[in-house]
Amino acid sequence: MAASSKIIIGIDPGTIVLGYGIIEVQGSKIKLLSMGVVQLSKYENGLQKLKIIYEKVQGLVKQYEPHACAIEAPFYGKNVQSMLKLGRAQGVAIAAALTAGVEVEELAPKRIKQSITGNGNASKEQVAAMLQKLIGFELQPRFFDATDGLAAAVCYHFQNNVQASGGSAKVSGWKDFLNKNPGRVK
């Protein structure tokens, strides 16, 4: 990692599939370091799933030493049991990052989609396609959970304007961002 760069990990929590994306920001350039999923559906015991989530996030934090962790907040759903499980998964991931001293920010799903695509109701496919244009990576449709994690990291960067120079100039909106960064969208 370059001395003037920032690393951000993004997490899309889940008890069946957890997605993550890790970026390095140097100036206004975003570099994809890693993205993937943790398949949890093969484990029947909910507590075992939480342990695996904790260990995976801890391992990613140890390996990449991020400056920040952006995690997608659970959205309101009709199934209370699903929300409870998702909240536990999110809590364990947050605890793993906080235990390592990493700053954590919770981001609403609509806020992430709005930040990446300009549309808070964008589909997973639209988010993934825009990320592919912004960062330049091979799109693999089976990794939409991974691109959701990646989207959280990129949203954190856009919202907090994490720059290697330590600057804090805020981007006021998507159009302003595009005007200030014409080379970023391919």
Protein backbone atom coordinates (compact mmCIF):
# COMPACT_ATOMS: atom_id res chain seq x y z
CA MET A 1 0.00 0.00 0.00
CA ALA A 2 1.34 3.40 -0.94
CA ALA A 3 1.85 5.77 1.99
CA SER A 4 -0.59 8.32 0.57
CA SER A 5 -3.40 5.87 -0.19
CA LYS A 6 -6.51 4.88 1.74
CA ILE A 7 -8.04 1.43 1.85
CA ILE A 8 -11.78 0.96 2.32
CA ILE A 9 -13.61 -2.32 2.81
CA GLY A 10 -17.29 -2.53 1.95
CA ILE A 11 -19.57 -5.27 3.27
CA ASP A 12 -22.99 -6.46 2.17
CA PRO A 13 -23.97 -8.55 5.20
CA GLY A 14 -26.00 -11.71 4.93
CA THR A 15 -26.51 -15.06 6.59
CA ILE A 16 -26.71 -16.96 3.30
CA VAL A 17 -24.17 -14.94 1.29
CA LEU A 18 -21.97 -12.14 2.58
CA GLY A 19 -20.41 -9.93 -0.08
CA TYR A 20 -17.33 -7.75 0.27
CA GLY A 21 -15.26 -5.40 -1.82
CA ILE A 22 -11.97 -3.74 -0.97
CA ILE A 23 -10.65 -0.65 -2.72
CA GLU A 24 -7.54 1.46 -2.53
CA VAL A 25 -7.99 5.18 -3.16
CA GLN A 26 -5.05 7.27 -4.25
CA GLY A 27 -6.02 10.83 -5.13
CA SER A 28 -9.14 10.41 -7.23
CA LYS A 29 -8.15 6.98 -8.57
CA ILE A 30 -9.98 3.93 -7.24
CA LYS A 31 -8.24 0.56 -7.53
CA LEU A 32 -10.02 -2.72 -6.83
CA LEU A 33 -7.93 -4.83 -4.45
CA SER A 34 -10.36 -7.67 -3.85
CA MET A 35 -14.00 -8.65 -3.93
CA GLY A 36 -15.79 -11.85 -3.21
CA VAL A 37 -18.45 -13.66 -1.29
CA VAL A 38 -18.62 -15.90 1.73
CA GLN A 39 -21.09 -18.73 1.13
CA LEU A 40 -22.87 -19.45 4.40
CA SER A 41 -25.82 -21.49 3.14
CA LYS A 42 -23.96 -24.77 3.72
CA TYR A 43 -23.98 -24.15 7.48
CA GLU A 44 -27.19 -24.95 9.32
CA ASN A 45 -26.26 -23.53 12.71
CA GLY A 46 -26.88 -19.77 12.89
CA LEU A 47 -24.24 -19.26 15.55
CA GLN A 48 -21.64 -21.02 13.40
CA LYS A 49 -22.50 -18.63 10.54
CA LEU A 50 -21.91 -15.65 12.83
CA LYS A 51 -18.54 -17.05 13.88
CA ILE A 52 -17.51 -17.50 10.24
CA ILE A 53 -18.62 -13.93 9.40
CA TYR A 54 -16.58 -12.57 12.32
CA GLU A 55 -13.49 -14.58 11.34
CA LYS A 56 -13.74 -13.63 7.64
CA VAL A 57 -14.10 -9.91 8.34
CA GLN A 58 -11.29 -10.10 10.91
CA GLY A 59 -9.10 -11.84 8.32
CA LEU A 60 -9.83 -9.23 5.64
CA VAL A 61 -9.09 -6.42 8.08
CA LYS A 62 -5.82 -8.06 9.10
CA GLN A 63 -4.80 -8.70 5.48
CA TYR A 64 -5.70 -5.31 3.96
CA GLU A 65 -5.46 -2.97 6.99
CA PRO A 66 -8.34 -0.71 5.86
CA HIS A 67 -8.78 2.83 7.07
CA ALA A 68 -12.55 2.45 7.04
CA CYS A 69 -15.32 -0.12 6.73
CA ALA A 70 -18.61 0.72 5.02
CA ILE A 71 -21.42 -1.70 5.74
CA GLU A 72 -24.84 -1.81 4.14
CA ALA A 73 -27.57 -1.24 6.71
CA PRO A 74 -30.47 -3.68 6.82
CA PHE A 75 -33.55 -2.41 5.04
CA TYR A 76 -37.03 -2.79 6.46
CA GLY A 77 -38.60 -6.10 5.53
CA LYS A 78 -41.82 -7.90 6.29
CA ASN A 79 -40.14 -11.00 7.70
CA VAL A 80 -39.06 -10.21 11.26
CA GLN A 81 -36.95 -13.37 11.59
CA SER A 82 -34.99 -12.53 8.43
CA MET A 83 -34.38 -9.00 9.71
CA LEU A 84 -33.17 -10.35 13.05
CA LYS A 85 -30.72 -12.73 11.33
CA LEU A 86 -29.47 -9.99 9.00
CA GLY A 87 -29.02 -7.61 11.93
CA ARG A 88 -26.96 -10.20 13.76
CA ALA A 89 -24.76 -10.75 10.70
CA GLN A 90 -24.26 -7.02 10.34
CA GLY A 91 -23.50 -6.63 14.06
CA VAL A 92 -20.87 -9.36 14.00
CA ALA A 93 -19.19 -7.82 10.93
CA ILE A 94 -19.19 -4.40 12.61
CA ALA A 95 -17.75 -5.87 15.81
CA ALA A 96 -14.93 -7.55 13.88
CA ALA A 97 -13.95 -4.26 12.23
CA LEU A 98 -14.30 -2.16 15.39
CA THR A 99 -12.27 -4.65 17.41
CA ALA A 100 -9.41 -4.06 14.98
CA GLY A 101 -9.74 -0.30 15.40
CA VAL A 102 -11.29 0.34 11.98
CA GLU A 103 -13.79 3.19 11.58
CA VAL A 104 -17.20 1.81 10.56
CA GLU A 105 -20.01 3.61 8.77
CA GLU A 106 -23.46 2.19 8.11
CA LEU A 107 -24.94 3.15 4.75
CA ALA A 108 -28.55 2.77 3.63
CA PRO A 109 -29.05 0.65 0.49
CA LYS A 110 -30.79 3.52 -1.35
CA ARG A 111 -27.94 5.88 -0.45
CA ILE A 112 -25.41 3.42 -1.88
CA LYS A 113 -27.38 2.96 -5.12
CA GLN A 114 -27.90 6.73 -5.45
CA SER A 115 -24.19 7.37 -4.96
CA ILE A 116 -23.12 4.79 -7.55
CA THR A 117 -25.80 5.10 -10.24
CA GLY A 118 -27.65 8.33 -9.51
CA ASN A 119 -30.80 6.25 -8.89
CA GLY A 120 -31.70 5.06 -5.39
CA ASN A 121 -33.90 2.34 -6.87
CA ALA A 122 -31.27 0.91 -9.24
CA SER A 123 -31.05 -2.86 -9.67
CA LYS A 124 -28.06 -4.94 -8.57
CA GLU A 125 -27.20 -5.31 -12.26
CA GLN A 126 -27.19 -1.53 -12.79
CA VAL A 127 -24.98 -0.98 -9.74
CA ALA A 128 -22.54 -3.67 -10.90
CA ALA A 129 -22.41 -2.24 -14.44
CA MET A 130 -21.68 1.28 -13.17
CA LEU A 131 -18.96 -0.03 -10.84
CA GLN A 132 -17.43 -1.87 -13.77
CA LYS A 133 -17.29 1.42 -15.71
CA LEU A 134 -15.95 3.41 -12.75
CA ILE A 135 -13.27 0.95 -11.66
CA GLY A 136 -12.81 -1.33 -14.66
CA PHE A 137 -13.15 -4.99 -13.70
CA GLU A 138 -14.67 -8.10 -15.23
CA LEU A 139 -18.36 -8.33 -14.39
CA GLN A 140 -19.37 -11.73 -13.05
CA PRO A 141 -23.14 -11.90 -12.48
CA ARG A 142 -22.82 -14.52 -9.74
CA PHE A 143 -20.98 -11.92 -7.68
CA PHE A 144 -23.78 -9.37 -7.20
CA ASP A 145 -23.35 -9.73 -3.43
CA ALA A 146 -19.67 -8.92 -3.93
CA THR A 147 -20.46 -5.89 -6.10
CA ASP A 148 -22.94 -4.74 -3.43
CA GLY A 149 -20.08 -4.83 -0.91
CA LEU A 150 -17.85 -3.03 -3.40
CA ALA A 151 -20.59 -0.43 -3.91
CA ALA A 152 -20.64 0.27 -0.17
CA ALA A 153 -16.88 0.94 -0.21
CA VAL A 154 -17.10 3.22 -3.26
CA CYS A 155 -20.10 5.05 -1.78
CA TYR A 156 -18.12 5.65 1.41
CA HIS A 157 -15.32 7.11 -0.69
CA PHE A 158 -17.70 9.38 -2.63
CA GLN A 159 -19.59 10.49 0.49
CA ASN A 160 -16.51 11.14 2.60
CA ASN A 161 -14.27 12.16 -0.29
CA VAL A 162 -11.46 10.04 1.08
CA GLN A 163 -8.39 11.29 -0.72
CA ALA A 164 -4.79 10.38 -0.28
CA SER A 165 -3.92 14.08 0.00
CA GLY A 166 -6.19 14.36 3.02
CA GLY A 167 -8.32 16.93 1.19
CA SER A 168 -11.91 17.33 2.18
CA ALA A 169 -13.56 18.99 -0.81
CA LYS A 170 -17.11 17.71 -0.97
CA VAL A 171 -18.83 16.65 -4.17
CA SER A 172 -22.32 18.11 -4.10
CA GLY A 173 -23.98 15.61 -6.40
CA TRP A 174 -23.63 13.10 -9.20
CA LYS A 175 -23.58 15.75 -11.95
CA ASP A 176 -20.98 17.74 -10.05
CA PHE A 177 -18.89 14.60 -9.62
CA LEU A 178 -19.05 13.84 -13.36
CA ASN A 179 -18.11 17.42 -14.21
CA LYS A 180 -15.13 17.32 -11.85
CA ASN A 181 -14.06 13.78 -12.91
CA PRO A 182 -14.71 13.35 -16.66
CA GLY A 183 -12.02 10.68 -17.03
CA ARG A 184 -13.54 8.44 -14.33
CA VAL A 185 -16.48 7.16 -16.40
CA LYS A 186 -15.57 5.07 -19.42
